[in-house]
Amino acid sequence: MLSSADKQEIQEAIRLAELQTAGEIRVHIDKKCKSNPVERAVIIFQQLKLHKTKDRNGVLIYLSFEDSKLAIIGDEGINKLVPADFWESTKNTMITAFKKQEFTLGICSAISEAGKQLACFFPLKENDKNELSNEISIEKE
């Protein structure tokens, strides 16, 4: 799905985005998604403990490459602040890149956009700590 270099680039995009915000961004990739991608993203969101952030400002970018599904969801802290169409427009940015086979660019663009929105509403605080890993979580089956 993604090379080691691609994964490094995505993790670096997360790190850079989170340098501007107290928010948390995670990327999860499934080989296959047997259900609605938003429903699956909600399950993964819980498993990755994105709902446990102090300000409820976690964002999950969920992808299933084999069946071309994706979802972007945010926790209640960020969802009540971003424009209603924000996650959909960010998803469309990814889809545009994916159609050109630019998967890493698409994911990194979504991370950057999520980071900008998080920074507007949850700027980095002096004593901020990275609450969650920047590592990409991958489920093989």
C-alpha atoms as a PDB file:
ATOM      1  CA  MET A   1       0.000   0.000   0.000  1.00  0.00           C
ATOM      2  CA  LEU A   2       2.537   2.574   1.141  1.00  0.00           C
ATOM      3  CA  SER A   3       6.309   2.377   1.084  1.00  0.00           C
ATOM      4  CA  SER A   4       8.423   3.075   4.150  1.00  0.00           C
ATOM      5  CA  ALA A   5       9.317   6.452   2.646  1.00  0.00           C
ATOM      6  CA  ASP A   6       5.610   7.241   2.137  1.00  0.00           C
ATOM      7  CA  LYS A   7       4.858   6.363   5.764  1.00  0.00           C
ATOM      8  CA  GLN A   8       7.735   8.551   6.953  1.00  0.00           C
ATOM      9  CA  GLU A   9       6.458  11.445   4.850  1.00  0.00           C
ATOM     10  CA  ILE A  10       2.941  11.088   6.266  1.00  0.00           C
ATOM     11  CA  GLN A  11       4.214  10.896   9.842  1.00  0.00           C
ATOM     12  CA  GLU A  12       6.318  13.986   9.225  1.00  0.00           C
ATOM     13  CA  ALA A  13       3.238  15.802   7.873  1.00  0.00           C
ATOM     14  CA  ILE A  14       1.422  14.908  11.103  1.00  0.00           C
ATOM     15  CA  ARG A  15       4.349  16.124  13.203  1.00  0.00           C
ATOM     16  CA  LEU A  16       4.523  19.428  11.324  1.00  0.00           C
ATOM     17  CA  ALA A  17       0.759  19.980  11.502  1.00  0.00           C
ATOM     18  CA  GLU A  18       0.763  19.292  15.233  1.00  0.00           C
ATOM     19  CA  LEU A  19       3.550  21.835  15.798  1.00  0.00           C
ATOM     20  CA  GLN A  20       0.867  24.480  15.164  1.00  0.00           C
ATOM     21  CA  THR A  21      -1.946  23.036  17.263  1.00  0.00           C
ATOM     22  CA  ALA A  22      -2.935  21.333  20.495  1.00  0.00           C
ATOM     23  CA  GLY A  23      -5.082  19.026  18.324  1.00  0.00           C
ATOM     24  CA  GLU A  24      -4.201  15.452  17.438  1.00  0.00           C
ATOM     25  CA  ILE A  25      -4.238  13.851  13.980  1.00  0.00           C
ATOM     26  CA  ARG A  26      -4.062  10.131  13.250  1.00  0.00           C
ATOM     27  CA  VAL A  27      -4.101   8.139  10.016  1.00  0.00           C
ATOM     28  CA  HIS A  28      -5.453   4.600   9.880  1.00  0.00           C
ATOM     29  CA  ILE A  29      -5.322   2.279   6.883  1.00  0.00           C
ATOM     30  CA  ASP A  30      -7.322  -0.910   6.440  1.00  0.00           C
ATOM     31  CA  LYS A  31      -6.670  -3.383   3.664  1.00  0.00           C
ATOM     32  CA  LYS A  32     -10.446  -3.792   3.226  1.00  0.00           C
ATOM     33  CA  CYS A  33     -13.468  -2.029   4.657  1.00  0.00           C
ATOM     34  CA  LYS A  34     -16.402  -4.399   4.961  1.00  0.00           C
ATOM     35  CA  SER A  35     -18.819  -1.682   6.116  1.00  0.00           C
ATOM     36  CA  ASN A  36     -19.565   1.994   5.633  1.00  0.00           C
ATOM     37  CA  PRO A  37     -16.226   3.841   5.936  1.00  0.00           C
ATOM     38  CA  VAL A  38     -17.604   6.421   8.375  1.00  0.00           C
ATOM     39  CA  GLU A  39     -18.933   3.673  10.652  1.00  0.00           C
ATOM     40  CA  ARG A  40     -15.569   1.904  10.495  1.00  0.00           C
ATOM     41  CA  ALA A  41     -13.751   5.196  11.162  1.00  0.00           C
ATOM     42  CA  VAL A  42     -15.845   5.706  14.306  1.00  0.00           C
ATOM     43  CA  ILE A  43     -14.733   2.281  15.591  1.00  0.00           C
ATOM     44  CA  ILE A  44     -11.081   3.014  14.814  1.00  0.00           C
ATOM     45  CA  PHE A  45     -11.430   6.487  16.385  1.00  0.00           C
ATOM     46  CA  GLN A  46     -12.413   4.796  19.648  1.00  0.00           C
ATOM     47  CA  GLN A  47      -9.701   2.125  19.388  1.00  0.00           C
ATOM     48  CA  LEU A  48      -7.004   4.758  18.856  1.00  0.00           C
ATOM     49  CA  LYS A  49      -8.400   6.720  21.829  1.00  0.00           C
ATOM     50  CA  LEU A  50      -8.848   9.899  19.803  1.00  0.00           C
ATOM     51  CA  HIS A  51     -11.882  10.664  21.981  1.00  0.00           C
ATOM     52  CA  LYS A  52      -9.595  10.831  25.027  1.00  0.00           C
ATOM     53  CA  THR A  53      -7.778  14.038  24.074  1.00  0.00           C
ATOM     54  CA  LYS A  54      -8.044  16.799  26.655  1.00  0.00           C
ATOM     55  CA  ASP A  55      -9.916  19.218  24.379  1.00  0.00           C
ATOM     56  CA  ARG A  56     -11.779  16.547  22.349  1.00  0.00           C
ATOM     57  CA  ASN A  57      -9.935  17.766  19.245  1.00  0.00           C
ATOM     58  CA  GLY A  58      -8.747  14.566  17.615  1.00  0.00           C
ATOM     59  CA  VAL A  59      -9.037  13.974  13.870  1.00  0.00           C
ATOM     60  CA  LEU A  60      -8.893  10.618  12.110  1.00  0.00           C
ATOM     61  CA  ILE A  61      -8.131  10.143   8.437  1.00  0.00           C
ATOM     62  CA  TYR A  62      -9.367   6.653   7.584  1.00  0.00           C
ATOM     63  CA  LEU A  63      -8.460   4.849   4.344  1.00  0.00           C
ATOM     64  CA  SER A  64      -9.154   1.489   2.781  1.00  0.00           C
ATOM     65  CA  PHE A  65      -7.083   1.296  -0.382  1.00  0.00           C
ATOM     66  CA  GLU A  66      -8.237  -2.051  -1.760  1.00  0.00           C
ATOM     67  CA  ASP A  67     -11.868  -0.972  -2.014  1.00  0.00           C
ATOM     68  CA  SER A  68     -11.257   2.773  -2.432  1.00  0.00           C
ATOM     69  CA  LYS A  69     -13.053   3.998   0.688  1.00  0.00           C
ATOM     70  CA  LEU A  70     -12.140   6.865   2.963  1.00  0.00           C
ATOM     71  CA  ALA A  71     -13.520   9.010   5.736  1.00  0.00           C
ATOM     72  CA  ILE A  72     -12.339  11.915   7.816  1.00  0.00           C
ATOM     73  CA  ILE A  73     -13.895  12.421  11.211  1.00  0.00           C
ATOM     74  CA  GLY A  74     -13.240  14.783  14.074  1.00  0.00           C
ATOM     75  CA  ASP A  75     -14.157  14.702  17.728  1.00  0.00           C
ATOM     76  CA  GLU A  76     -16.888  16.909  19.174  1.00  0.00           C
ATOM     77  CA  GLY A  77     -14.491  19.697  20.184  1.00  0.00           C
ATOM     78  CA  ILE A  78     -13.403  20.380  16.618  1.00  0.00           C
ATOM     79  CA  ASN A  79     -16.647  19.360  14.885  1.00  0.00           C
ATOM     80  CA  LYS A  80     -18.649  22.105  16.564  1.00  0.00           C
ATOM     81  CA  LEU A  81     -16.170  24.733  15.313  1.00  0.00           C
ATOM     82  CA  VAL A  82     -15.214  23.876  11.725  1.00  0.00           C
ATOM     83  CA  PRO A  83     -17.484  24.774   8.787  1.00  0.00           C
ATOM     84  CA  ALA A  84     -20.166  22.162   8.115  1.00  0.00           C
ATOM     85  CA  ASP A  85     -18.593  21.080   4.811  1.00  0.00           C
ATOM     86  CA  PHE A  86     -14.987  21.057   6.050  1.00  0.00           C
ATOM     87  CA  TRP A  87     -14.427  17.295   6.291  1.00  0.00           C
ATOM     88  CA  GLU A  88     -16.169  16.721   2.950  1.00  0.00           C
ATOM     89  CA  SER A  89     -14.036  19.341   1.163  1.00  0.00           C
ATOM     90  CA  THR A  90     -10.873  17.896   2.733  1.00  0.00           C
ATOM     91  CA  LYS A  91     -11.948  14.432   1.588  1.00  0.00           C
ATOM     92  CA  ASN A  92     -12.473  15.783  -1.946  1.00  0.00           C
ATOM     93  CA  THR A  93      -8.921  17.168  -1.934  1.00  0.00           C
ATOM     94  CA  MET A  94      -7.680  13.665  -1.167  1.00  0.00           C
ATOM     95  CA  ILE A  95      -9.839  12.101  -3.871  1.00  0.00           C
ATOM     96  CA  THR A  96      -8.474  14.524  -6.468  1.00  0.00           C
ATOM     97  CA  ALA A  97      -4.894  13.508  -5.616  1.00  0.00           C
ATOM     98  CA  PHE A  98      -5.802   9.815  -5.467  1.00  0.00           C
ATOM     99  CA  LYS A  99      -7.255   9.965  -8.998  1.00  0.00           C
ATOM    100  CA  LYS A 100      -3.771  11.027 -10.124  1.00  0.00           C
ATOM    101  CA  GLN A 101      -2.251   8.106  -8.146  1.00  0.00           C
ATOM    102  CA  GLU A 102      -0.726  10.644  -5.722  1.00  0.00           C
ATOM    103  CA  PHE A 103      -1.721   8.843  -2.534  1.00  0.00           C
ATOM    104  CA  THR A 104       0.910  10.224  -0.183  1.00  0.00           C
ATOM    105  CA  LEU A 105       0.340  13.760  -1.447  1.00  0.00           C
ATOM    106  CA  GLY A 106      -3.408  13.379  -0.942  1.00  0.00           C
ATOM    107  CA  ILE A 107      -3.004  12.143   2.623  1.00  0.00           C
ATOM    108  CA  CYS A 108      -0.441  14.823   3.468  1.00  0.00           C
ATOM    109  CA  SER A 109      -2.707  17.528   1.999  1.00  0.00           C
ATOM    110  CA  ALA A 110      -5.580  16.359   4.202  1.00  0.00           C
ATOM    111  CA  ILE A 111      -3.300  16.343   7.240  1.00  0.00           C
ATOM    112  CA  SER A 112      -2.174  19.881   6.430  1.00  0.00           C
ATOM    113  CA  GLU A 113      -5.763  21.124   6.013  1.00  0.00           C
ATOM    114  CA  ALA A 114      -6.859  19.459   9.250  1.00  0.00           C
ATOM    115  CA  GLY A 115      -3.845  20.973  11.009  1.00  0.00           C
ATOM    116  CA  LYS A 116      -4.699  24.476   9.781  1.00  0.00           C
ATOM    117  CA  GLN A 117      -8.269  24.188  11.065  1.00  0.00           C
ATOM    118  CA  LEU A 118      -7.122  22.753  14.366  1.00  0.00           C
ATOM    119  CA  ALA A 119      -4.586  25.576  14.722  1.00  0.00           C
ATOM    120  CA  CYS A 120      -7.335  28.181  14.241  1.00  0.00           C
ATOM    121  CA  PHE A 121      -9.413  26.804  17.078  1.00  0.00           C
ATOM    122  CA  PHE A 122      -6.846  24.953  19.191  1.00  0.00           C
ATOM    123  CA  PRO A 123      -3.530  26.805  18.860  1.00  0.00           C
ATOM    124  CA  LEU A 124      -0.447  25.192  20.316  1.00  0.00           C
ATOM    125  CA  LYS A 125      -0.083  25.968  24.000  1.00  0.00           C
ATOM    126  CA  GLU A 126       3.218  26.563  25.716  1.00  0.00           C
ATOM    127  CA  ASN A 127       2.945  23.408  27.812  1.00  0.00           C
ATOM    128  CA  ASP A 128       1.318  21.261  25.121  1.00  0.00           C
ATOM    129  CA  LYS A 129       2.306  17.633  24.889  1.00  0.00           C
ATOM    130  CA  ASN A 130       1.738  15.207  22.069  1.00  0.00           C
ATOM    131  CA  GLU A 131      -1.137  13.145  23.486  1.00  0.00           C
ATOM    132  CA  LEU A 132      -1.170  10.466  20.779  1.00  0.00           C
ATOM    133  CA  SER A 133       1.350   8.774  18.535  1.00  0.00           C
ATOM    134  CA  ASN A 134       1.921  10.152  15.035  1.00  0.00           C
ATOM    135  CA  GLU A 135       2.421   6.619  13.772  1.00  0.00           C
ATOM    136  CA  ILE A 136       0.131   5.338  11.017  1.00  0.00           C
ATOM    137  CA  SER A 137      -1.990   2.475  12.264  1.00  0.00           C
ATOM    138  CA  ILE A 138      -2.499  -0.317   9.746  1.00  0.00           C
ATOM    139  CA  GLU A 139      -4.832  -3.286   9.880  1.00  0.00           C
ATOM    140  CA  LYS A 140      -3.920  -6.052   7.474  1.00  0.00           C
ATOM    141  CA  GLU A 141      -7.277  -7.829   7.284  1.00  0.00           C
END
